[in-house]
N, C-alpha and C. Protein backbone atom coordinates (compact mmCIF):
# COMPACT_ATOMS: atom_id res chain seq x y z
N MET A 1 19.58 5.27 -10.82
CA MET A 1 18.90 6.53 -11.24
C MET A 1 18.83 7.17 -9.48
N ASP A 2 19.41 8.14 -9.33
CA ASP A 2 18.93 9.05 -7.89
C ASP A 2 17.39 9.98 -8.25
N GLU A 3 17.98 10.04 -7.13
CA GLU A 3 15.72 11.12 -6.72
C GLU A 3 15.90 12.28 -7.49
N ARG A 4 16.74 13.05 -8.10
CA ARG A 4 16.40 13.99 -8.41
C ARG A 4 16.11 13.47 -10.07
N ASP A 5 16.41 12.53 -10.45
CA ASP A 5 16.75 12.08 -12.10
C ASP A 5 15.14 11.23 -11.70
N LEU A 6 14.86 10.53 -10.84
CA LEU A 6 13.19 10.43 -10.89
C LEU A 6 12.17 11.08 -11.09
N ILE A 7 12.37 11.88 -10.31
CA ILE A 7 11.66 13.48 -10.41
C ILE A 7 11.87 14.24 -11.53
N ARG A 8 12.20 14.31 -12.48
CA ARG A 8 12.58 14.84 -13.30
C ARG A 8 11.94 13.92 -14.67
N CYS A 9 12.32 12.84 -14.73
CA CYS A 9 11.60 11.76 -15.35
C CYS A 9 9.91 11.49 -15.17
N ALA A 10 9.62 11.58 -13.64
CA ALA A 10 8.18 11.46 -13.55
C ALA A 10 7.82 12.97 -14.06
N GLN A 11 8.55 14.19 -13.46
CA GLN A 11 7.85 15.05 -14.54
C GLN A 11 7.59 15.03 -15.92
N LEU A 12 7.78 14.17 -16.45
CA LEU A 12 7.85 14.10 -17.68
C LEU A 12 7.02 13.43 -18.73
N GLY A 13 6.58 12.51 -17.15
CA GLY A 13 5.01 11.49 -17.63
C GLY A 13 5.48 10.27 -17.22
N ASP A 14 6.91 9.71 -17.06
CA ASP A 14 7.29 8.30 -16.64
C ASP A 14 6.84 7.73 -15.81
N ARG A 15 5.53 7.49 -15.75
CA ARG A 15 5.13 6.36 -14.86
C ARG A 15 5.82 5.56 -13.43
N ASP A 16 7.06 4.61 -14.30
CA ASP A 16 7.70 4.17 -13.47
C ASP A 16 8.20 4.84 -12.90
N ALA A 17 8.83 6.03 -12.68
CA ALA A 17 9.78 6.69 -12.58
C ALA A 17 8.79 7.38 -10.76
N PHE A 18 7.68 7.82 -11.64
CA PHE A 18 6.76 8.30 -10.09
C PHE A 18 6.89 6.79 -9.38
N ALA A 19 6.48 5.42 -10.03
CA ALA A 19 6.34 4.66 -9.18
C ALA A 19 7.88 4.31 -8.04
N GLY A 20 9.12 4.70 -8.79
CA GLY A 20 9.94 4.61 -7.57
C GLY A 20 10.31 5.66 -7.09
N LEU A 21 9.65 6.65 -7.10
CA LEU A 21 9.47 7.68 -5.97
C LEU A 21 8.61 7.22 -5.18
N VAL A 22 7.98 6.79 -5.01
CA VAL A 22 6.57 6.17 -3.78
C VAL A 22 6.96 5.33 -3.55
N SER A 23 7.69 4.33 -4.16
CA SER A 23 8.17 2.83 -3.08
C SER A 23 9.48 3.32 -2.61
N SER A 24 10.51 4.55 -2.41
CA SER A 24 10.93 5.11 -1.23
C SER A 24 10.20 5.35 0.13
N HIS A 25 9.52 6.20 -1.05
CA HIS A 25 8.61 7.26 0.61
C HIS A 25 7.69 6.68 0.94
N GLU A 26 7.30 5.84 0.26
CA GLU A 26 5.09 5.12 0.67
C GLU A 26 4.84 4.60 2.57
N LYS A 27 5.88 3.99 3.11
CA LYS A 27 6.04 3.57 4.01
C LYS A 27 6.30 4.85 5.49
N LYS A 28 6.38 6.08 4.55
CA LYS A 28 6.42 7.48 5.90
C LYS A 28 5.78 7.80 5.57
N LEU A 29 4.92 8.24 4.33
CA LEU A 29 3.57 8.41 3.85
C LEU A 29 2.79 8.06 4.81
N LEU A 30 2.79 6.29 4.85
CA LEU A 30 1.44 5.77 5.45
C LEU A 30 1.62 5.99 7.20
N ALA A 31 3.23 5.56 7.58
CA ALA A 31 3.82 5.98 9.19
C ALA A 31 2.69 7.16 9.48
N LEU A 32 2.60 8.54 8.48
CA LEU A 32 2.20 9.82 8.85
C LEU A 32 0.90 9.57 8.63
N CYS A 33 0.09 8.60 8.02
CA CYS A 33 -1.50 8.83 7.85
C CYS A 33 -1.98 8.16 9.14
N TRP A 34 -1.81 6.87 9.54
CA TRP A 34 -1.58 6.14 10.97
C TRP A 34 -1.40 6.75 11.55
N ASN A 35 -0.23 7.54 12.53
CA ASN A 35 -0.66 8.41 13.68
C ASN A 35 -1.28 9.50 13.16
N MET A 36 -1.75 10.18 11.95
CA MET A 36 -3.03 11.29 12.41
C MET A 36 -4.45 10.53 12.30
N LEU A 37 -4.39 9.64 11.62
CA LEU A 37 -6.09 9.01 11.56
C LEU A 37 -6.41 8.23 12.39
N GLY A 38 -5.19 6.62 12.90
CA GLY A 38 -5.43 6.00 13.78
C GLY A 38 -6.22 4.83 13.28
N GLU A 39 -6.42 4.52 12.23
CA GLU A 39 -7.63 3.22 11.51
C GLU A 39 -6.55 3.22 10.41
N ARG A 40 -6.24 1.76 10.36
CA ARG A 40 -5.35 1.27 9.36
C ARG A 40 -5.86 1.12 8.09
N GLU A 41 -7.20 1.10 7.57
CA GLU A 41 -7.42 1.22 6.58
C GLU A 41 -7.75 3.23 5.91
N GLU A 42 -8.23 3.64 7.29
CA GLU A 42 -8.47 5.26 6.85
C GLU A 42 -7.00 5.86 6.33
N ALA A 43 -6.11 5.22 6.83
CA ALA A 43 -4.33 5.94 6.48
C ALA A 43 -4.49 5.64 5.02
N ARG A 44 -4.54 4.62 4.93
CA ARG A 44 -4.25 3.69 3.46
C ARG A 44 -4.71 5.03 2.36
N ASP A 45 -6.35 4.84 2.37
CA ASP A 45 -6.67 6.06 1.82
C ASP A 45 -6.82 7.32 1.31
N ALA A 46 -6.01 7.69 2.44
CA ALA A 46 -5.61 9.10 2.94
C ALA A 46 -3.87 9.18 2.15
N ALA A 47 -3.30 8.48 2.22
CA ALA A 47 -1.82 8.10 1.83
C ALA A 47 -2.11 7.57 -0.20
N GLN A 48 -3.45 6.86 -0.67
CA GLN A 48 -3.28 7.17 -1.86
C GLN A 48 -3.98 8.14 -2.25
N GLU A 49 -4.55 8.80 -1.60
CA GLU A 49 -4.89 10.36 -2.03
C GLU A 49 -4.22 10.78 -2.17
N ALA A 50 -2.86 11.27 -1.02
CA ALA A 50 -1.88 11.73 -1.24
C ALA A 50 -0.69 11.99 -2.22
N LEU A 51 -0.65 10.36 -3.03
CA LEU A 51 -0.02 9.78 -3.99
C LEU A 51 -0.88 10.45 -5.17
N LEU A 52 -1.55 10.17 -5.53
CA LEU A 52 -2.33 11.05 -6.81
C LEU A 52 -2.54 12.09 -6.45
N GLN A 53 -3.00 12.49 -5.61
CA GLN A 53 -2.47 14.33 -5.51
C GLN A 53 -1.07 14.61 -6.07
N ALA A 54 -0.04 14.02 -5.68
CA ALA A 54 1.39 14.46 -5.97
C ALA A 54 1.58 14.00 -7.45
N PHE A 55 0.88 13.49 -7.76
CA PHE A 55 1.14 12.46 -9.46
C PHE A 55 0.66 13.29 -9.86
N GLU A 56 -0.54 14.59 -9.52
CA GLU A 56 -1.29 15.27 -10.84
C GLU A 56 -0.59 16.48 -10.55
N ASN A 57 -0.10 17.05 -9.44
CA ASN A 57 0.17 18.61 -9.51
C ASN A 57 2.16 17.96 -9.40
N LEU A 58 3.24 16.90 -9.88
CA LEU A 58 4.19 16.97 -9.86
C LEU A 58 4.99 18.23 -10.82
N SER A 59 3.89 18.60 -11.80
CA SER A 59 4.77 19.27 -12.65
C SER A 59 5.11 20.73 -12.23
N ARG A 60 4.17 21.22 -10.92
CA ARG A 60 4.46 22.12 -9.89
C ARG A 60 5.04 21.77 -9.01
N PHE A 61 5.99 20.72 -8.72
CA PHE A 61 7.07 20.52 -8.38
C PHE A 61 8.34 21.56 -7.98
N ASP A 62 8.60 22.47 -6.67
CA ASP A 62 9.79 22.86 -7.06
C ASP A 62 11.46 21.78 -6.19
N ALA A 63 12.36 21.77 -7.72
CA ALA A 63 13.21 20.68 -7.24
C ALA A 63 14.40 20.95 -6.20
N GLY A 64 13.83 22.04 -6.16
CA GLY A 64 15.20 22.93 -4.51
C GLY A 64 14.68 22.51 -3.41
N ARG A 65 13.37 21.78 -3.27
CA ARG A 65 12.58 21.35 -2.35
C ARG A 65 12.82 20.13 -1.63
N SER A 66 12.67 19.57 -0.81
CA SER A 66 12.63 18.25 -0.43
C SER A 66 11.28 17.13 -0.67
N PHE A 67 11.60 16.34 -1.58
CA PHE A 67 10.53 15.88 -2.45
C PHE A 67 9.67 15.37 -1.01
N VAL A 68 10.56 13.91 -0.14
CA VAL A 68 9.60 13.53 1.06
C VAL A 68 8.75 14.45 1.49
N LYS A 69 9.47 15.98 1.85
CA LYS A 69 8.71 16.70 2.74
C LYS A 69 7.78 16.84 2.31
N TRP A 70 7.60 17.46 0.47
CA TRP A 70 6.46 17.79 0.29
C TRP A 70 5.09 16.83 0.40
N LEU A 71 5.59 15.99 0.24
CA LEU A 71 4.62 14.52 -0.61
C LEU A 71 4.01 14.05 1.32
N LEU A 72 4.91 14.61 1.95
CA LEU A 72 4.48 13.94 3.26
C LEU A 72 3.53 15.04 4.20
N GLY A 73 3.87 16.16 3.49
CA GLY A 73 2.87 17.56 3.84
C GLY A 73 1.28 17.79 2.96
N ILE A 74 1.70 17.09 1.61
CA ILE A 74 0.23 16.41 1.08
C ILE A 74 -0.86 15.59 1.67
N GLY A 75 -0.11 15.17 2.01
CA GLY A 75 0.09 13.81 3.18
C GLY A 75 -0.66 13.96 4.02
N ALA A 76 0.07 14.93 4.83
CA ALA A 76 -0.94 15.53 6.30
C ALA A 76 -2.17 16.48 6.25
N LYS A 77 -2.32 17.14 4.65
CA LYS A 77 -3.73 18.04 4.46
C LYS A 77 -4.70 16.90 4.24
N ARG A 78 -4.43 15.92 3.35
CA ARG A 78 -5.36 14.84 3.05
C ARG A 78 -6.24 14.12 4.77
N CYS A 79 -4.95 14.11 5.72
CA CYS A 79 -5.37 13.51 7.00
C CYS A 79 -5.90 14.50 7.53
N LEU A 80 -5.40 15.75 7.56
CA LEU A 80 -6.51 17.11 8.37
C LEU A 80 -7.82 17.44 7.50
N ASP A 81 -8.27 16.76 6.24
CA ASP A 81 -9.38 17.21 5.52
C ASP A 81 -10.18 15.64 6.52
N ARG A 82 -9.69 14.46 5.98
CA ARG A 82 -9.85 13.86 6.43
C ARG A 82 -10.96 13.72 7.73
N LEU A 83 -9.94 14.33 8.89
CA LEU A 83 -10.72 14.28 10.18
C LEU A 83 -11.71 15.26 10.49
N ARG A 84 -11.52 16.23 9.85
CA ARG A 84 -13.12 17.65 9.14
C ARG A 84 -13.48 16.93 9.36
N ARG A 85 -13.88 15.99 8.52
CA ARG A 85 -15.35 15.88 7.53
C ARG A 85 -15.66 14.29 8.23
N LYS A 86 -15.11 13.35 8.63
CA LYS A 86 -15.52 12.43 8.92
C LYS A 86 -15.68 12.47 10.10
N ARG A 87 -14.72 13.51 11.36
CA ARG A 87 -14.56 13.87 13.25
C ARG A 87 -14.20 11.86 13.30
N THR A 88 -13.13 11.61 13.05
CA THR A 88 -12.47 10.79 13.03
C THR A 88 -12.41 10.35 14.21
N PHE A 89 -11.40 11.31 14.86
CA PHE A 89 -11.20 11.40 16.19
C PHE A 89 -12.11 11.05 17.38
N LEU A 90 -13.46 11.46 17.13
CA LEU A 90 -14.25 11.41 17.96
C LEU A 90 -14.80 10.14 17.99
N ARG A 91 -14.96 9.22 16.77
CA ARG A 91 -15.58 7.99 16.43
C ARG A 91 -14.92 6.94 17.15
N ILE A 92 -13.03 6.83 17.12
CA ILE A 92 -12.04 6.40 17.66
C ILE A 92 -12.51 6.15 18.92
N PHE A 93 -12.34 7.54 19.59
CA PHE A 93 -12.32 7.72 20.83
C PHE A 93 -13.42 6.92 21.40
N LYS A 94 -14.43 6.79 20.59
CA LYS A 94 -15.52 6.36 21.28
C LYS A 94 -14.91 4.67 21.08
N VAL A 95 -14.57 4.10 20.24
CA VAL A 95 -14.69 2.86 19.89
C VAL A 95 -13.34 1.81 20.99
N HIS A 96 -12.13 2.91 21.52
CA HIS A 96 -11.01 2.45 22.00
C HIS A 96 -11.17 3.26 23.37
N ALA A 97 -12.24 3.76 23.96
CA ALA A 97 -12.80 4.35 25.60
C ALA A 97 -12.23 3.27 25.81
N GLY A 98 -12.27 2.33 26.15
CA GLY A 98 -12.42 0.90 27.09
C GLY A 98 -10.99 0.56 27.45
N GLU A 99 -10.58 0.56 26.19
CA GLU A 99 -9.05 -0.02 26.32
C GLU A 99 -8.46 1.25 26.67
N TRP A 100 -8.63 2.47 27.03
CA TRP A 100 -7.30 3.52 27.14
C TRP A 100 -7.64 3.91 28.43
N LEU A 101 -8.80 3.21 28.93
CA LEU A 101 -9.13 3.78 29.97
C LEU A 101 -9.22 3.14 30.93
N GLY A 102 -8.91 1.48 30.87
CA GLY A 102 -7.91 0.70 31.74
C GLY A 102 -9.56 -0.35 31.44
N GLY A 103 -10.32 -0.35 31.08
CA GLY A 103 -11.46 -1.46 30.74
C GLY A 103 -11.41 -1.97 29.00
N GLY A 104 -11.97 -3.26 29.89
CA GLY A 104 -12.30 -3.93 27.93
C GLY A 104 -11.13 -3.97 27.91
N GLU A 105 -11.14 -5.46 26.79
CA GLU A 105 -10.10 -5.97 26.37
C GLU A 105 -9.08 -5.59 24.59
N PRO A 106 -8.35 -5.28 24.48
CA PRO A 106 -7.87 -5.01 23.48
C PRO A 106 -8.36 -5.72 22.29
N ARG A 107 -8.91 -4.64 21.20
CA ARG A 107 -9.37 -5.49 20.68
C ARG A 107 -7.96 -6.22 18.81
N PRO A 108 -7.78 -7.57 18.33
CA PRO A 108 -6.97 -7.49 17.43
C PRO A 108 -6.57 -6.93 16.29
N GLU A 109 -7.45 -6.26 15.95
CA GLU A 109 -7.17 -5.18 14.91
C GLU A 109 -6.92 -4.22 15.01
N ALA A 110 -6.68 -4.06 16.66
CA ALA A 110 -6.50 -2.24 17.11
C ALA A 110 -4.65 -2.25 17.36
N VAL A 111 -3.99 -3.65 17.61
CA VAL A 111 -2.84 -4.10 17.48
C VAL A 111 -2.57 -2.92 16.01
N ALA A 112 -0.93 -2.71 16.92
CA ALA A 112 -0.58 -2.03 15.29
C ALA A 112 1.05 -2.11 15.76
N GLU A 113 1.72 -1.82 15.21
CA GLU A 113 3.71 -1.93 15.73
C GLU A 113 3.67 -1.04 16.69
N ASN A 114 2.93 0.66 16.76
CA ASN A 114 3.64 1.40 17.41
C ASN A 114 1.92 1.74 18.33
N GLU A 115 1.50 0.57 18.97
CA GLU A 115 -0.02 1.04 19.20
C GLU A 115 -0.61 2.26 20.55
N SER A 116 0.63 1.58 21.76
CA SER A 116 0.99 3.32 22.12
C SER A 116 0.98 4.37 21.77
N THR A 117 2.32 4.40 20.75
CA THR A 117 2.12 5.87 20.21
C THR A 117 0.87 6.48 19.78
N GLY A 118 0.60 5.24 18.73
CA GLY A 118 -1.19 5.81 18.53
C GLY A 118 -2.36 6.11 19.64
N ARG A 119 -2.11 5.59 20.53
CA ARG A 119 -3.49 5.95 21.54
C ARG A 119 -2.82 6.58 21.66
N LEU A 120 -1.48 7.17 22.42
CA LEU A 120 -1.37 9.01 22.94
C LEU A 120 -1.84 10.06 21.95
N LEU A 121 -1.08 9.47 20.71
CA LEU A 121 -1.27 10.27 19.34
C LEU A 121 -3.13 11.40 19.07
N LEU A 122 -3.61 10.00 19.38
CA LEU A 122 -5.09 10.28 19.18
C LEU A 122 -5.72 10.46 20.15
N LYS A 123 -4.83 10.83 21.78
CA LYS A 123 -5.24 11.88 22.23
C LYS A 123 -5.15 13.54 22.60
N LEU A 124 -4.52 13.95 21.53
CA LEU A 124 -4.32 14.88 20.85
C LEU A 124 -5.33 16.16 19.85
N PRO A 125 -5.93 16.59 19.90
CA PRO A 125 -6.42 17.64 18.96
C PRO A 125 -5.80 17.58 17.42
N PRO A 126 -6.15 16.75 16.16
CA PRO A 126 -5.77 17.10 14.77
C PRO A 126 -4.36 18.08 14.86
N ARG A 127 -5.27 19.18 15.33
CA ARG A 127 -4.13 20.04 14.03
C ARG A 127 -2.03 19.88 15.42
N GLU A 128 -2.39 19.68 16.54
CA GLU A 128 -1.64 19.42 17.45
C GLU A 128 -0.53 18.26 16.73
N ARG A 129 -1.66 16.90 16.79
CA ARG A 129 -1.59 15.37 16.39
C ARG A 129 -0.70 15.55 15.08
N ALA A 130 -0.52 16.76 14.45
CA ALA A 130 -0.53 16.66 12.70
C ALA A 130 0.49 16.85 12.96
N ALA A 131 0.91 18.39 13.94
CA ALA A 131 2.63 18.79 14.12
C ALA A 131 3.34 18.14 15.13
N ILE A 132 2.75 17.58 15.95
CA ILE A 132 3.93 16.58 16.58
C ILE A 132 4.18 15.28 15.52
N SER A 133 3.64 14.80 14.90
CA SER A 133 3.57 13.52 14.08
C SER A 133 5.05 13.86 13.20
N LEU A 134 4.40 15.21 12.10
CA LEU A 134 5.78 16.06 11.20
C LEU A 134 6.68 16.28 11.87
N ALA A 135 6.80 17.08 13.35
CA ALA A 135 7.86 17.02 13.73
C ALA A 135 9.04 16.21 14.29
N VAL A 136 8.18 15.02 14.61
CA VAL A 136 9.08 14.20 15.54
C VAL A 136 9.53 12.70 14.45
N PHE A 137 8.09 12.39 14.10
CA PHE A 137 8.43 10.75 12.51
C PHE A 137 8.54 11.48 11.77
N ASP A 138 8.91 13.26 10.57
CA ASP A 138 9.39 13.76 9.86
C ASP A 138 10.53 14.37 10.04
N ASP A 139 10.65 15.03 11.14
CA ASP A 139 12.01 15.94 11.31
C ASP A 139 11.28 17.43 10.34
N PHE A 140 10.46 17.41 10.51
CA PHE A 140 9.45 19.54 9.66
C PHE A 140 10.23 19.82 10.57
N SER A 141 10.60 21.00 10.24
CA SER A 141 10.67 22.69 11.61
C SER A 141 9.40 23.48 11.72
N ALA A 142 9.36 23.84 12.44
CA ALA A 142 8.00 24.82 12.86
C ALA A 142 7.92 25.37 11.42
N ARG A 143 8.61 25.79 10.72
CA ARG A 143 8.34 26.67 8.82
C ARG A 143 7.60 25.81 8.03
N GLU A 144 8.59 24.91 8.28
CA GLU A 144 7.56 23.60 7.32
C GLU A 144 6.14 23.03 7.99
N ILE A 145 6.42 23.05 9.12
CA ILE A 145 4.51 22.31 9.53
C ILE A 145 3.67 23.18 9.60
N ALA A 146 4.14 25.01 9.80
CA ALA A 146 3.21 25.73 9.60
C ALA A 146 2.56 25.94 8.17
N ALA A 147 3.78 26.05 7.52
CA ALA A 147 3.34 26.02 5.99
C ALA A 147 2.28 24.63 5.32
N THR A 148 2.34 23.47 6.06
CA THR A 148 1.59 22.63 5.83
C THR A 148 0.31 22.66 6.47
N LEU A 149 0.04 23.16 7.53
CA LEU A 149 -1.11 23.21 8.63
C LEU A 149 -1.75 24.22 7.40
N GLY A 150 -1.28 25.31 7.54
CA GLY A 150 -1.69 26.81 6.73
C GLY A 150 -1.75 27.35 7.94
N CYS A 151 -0.97 28.01 8.72
CA CYS A 151 -0.94 28.78 10.07
C CYS A 151 0.81 29.26 9.65
N ALA A 152 0.04 30.17 10.89
CA ALA A 152 1.46 31.04 11.20
C ALA A 152 2.82 30.63 12.26
N GLU A 153 3.91 30.51 11.83
CA GLU A 153 5.17 29.63 12.38
C GLU A 153 4.62 29.54 13.90
N ASN A 154 4.76 30.87 14.46
CA ASN A 154 4.39 31.33 15.51
C ASN A 154 2.80 30.02 16.50
N THR A 155 2.20 29.87 15.73
CA THR A 155 0.97 29.02 15.87
C THR A 155 1.20 27.81 15.96
N ALA A 156 2.50 27.19 14.82
CA ALA A 156 2.61 25.74 14.25
C ALA A 156 3.43 25.45 15.72
N ARG A 157 4.02 26.14 16.20
CA ARG A 157 5.31 26.56 17.17
C ARG A 157 4.13 25.86 18.65
N VAL A 158 3.10 26.63 18.73
CA VAL A 158 2.16 26.57 19.78
C VAL A 158 1.69 24.99 19.97
N HIS A 159 0.78 24.55 18.52
CA HIS A 159 0.87 23.30 18.33
C HIS A 159 1.68 22.14 19.48
N LEU A 160 2.66 22.75 18.83
CA LEU A 160 3.83 21.65 19.41
C LEU A 160 4.40 21.19 20.32
N PHE A 161 4.19 22.50 20.67
CA PHE A 161 4.53 22.59 22.59
C PHE A 161 3.24 22.56 23.08
N ASN A 162 1.89 22.79 22.76
CA ASN A 162 0.61 22.25 23.20
C ASN A 162 0.67 20.59 23.28
N ALA A 163 1.08 19.30 22.12
CA ALA A 163 1.25 18.42 21.88
C ALA A 163 2.03 18.09 22.87
N ARG A 164 3.09 18.37 23.04
CA ARG A 164 4.57 17.95 24.12
C ARG A 164 3.76 17.98 25.58
N LEU A 165 3.28 19.06 26.13
CA LEU A 165 2.74 19.01 26.79
C LEU A 165 2.17 17.94 27.36
N LYS A 166 0.40 17.53 26.58
CA LYS A 166 -0.29 17.24 27.01
C LYS A 166 0.36 15.77 26.53
N LEU A 167 1.52 15.36 25.65
CA LEU A 167 1.96 13.70 25.39
C LEU A 167 3.12 13.42 27.19
N LYS A 168 3.74 14.83 27.88
CA LYS A 168 4.84 14.30 28.73
C LYS A 168 3.42 14.09 30.08
N LYS A 169 2.17 14.97 30.06
CA LYS A 169 1.48 14.27 30.81
C LYS A 169 0.97 13.19 30.77
N GLU A 170 0.01 12.85 29.83
CA GLU A 170 -0.04 11.17 29.70
C GLU A 170 0.36 10.22 29.58
N VAL A 171 2.04 9.86 29.66
CA VAL A 171 2.53 9.57 29.69
C VAL A 171 3.19 9.36 31.21
N ALA A 172 3.54 10.15 32.25
CA ALA A 172 3.70 10.57 33.65
C ALA A 172 2.37 9.97 34.39
N ASP A 173 1.09 9.57 33.76
CA ASP A 173 0.02 8.88 34.61
C ASP A 173 -0.53 8.07 33.80
N GLY A 174 0.38 7.59 33.36
CA GLY A 174 0.96 5.99 32.61
C GLY A 174 -0.71 5.29 31.90
N LEU A 175 -0.64 6.44 30.53
CA LEU A 175 -1.69 5.67 29.91
C LEU A 175 -2.82 5.90 30.64
């Protein structure tokens, strides 16, 4: 069954079809959440919330759109909500500041497949982090990023520009 068939069946209430959609895209969703939140459990929780919201709103999904981009958009919004509510970025920064600034030993639980990328991303403000994650890792256009973040397309472009500029500086400074 192709993705369009899975979507149609899932919209009619077939949970197995939705499970098929999830299995196709859950790694991308989890990677996005990890890049935005920087903590494995937070990322899993946000991804789970996004999947639940996608399931509950599947009847509203426009079949003319990309399902994965729709799902990742929901995931990005859940992550931004979490960052706003819990100020996760500030908490993570305090925990990892010693590692990032050259002091202290890396903690085993902080090691991930994309640890350097994650550390760089965590230095960005949440909206810039979301914009660059969506653009680089999930191939979102500025228009799609704007729709996801609820801002103007030019604002999304500014977030991308600022994020790229800051990341280039961080890389040049050698982390």
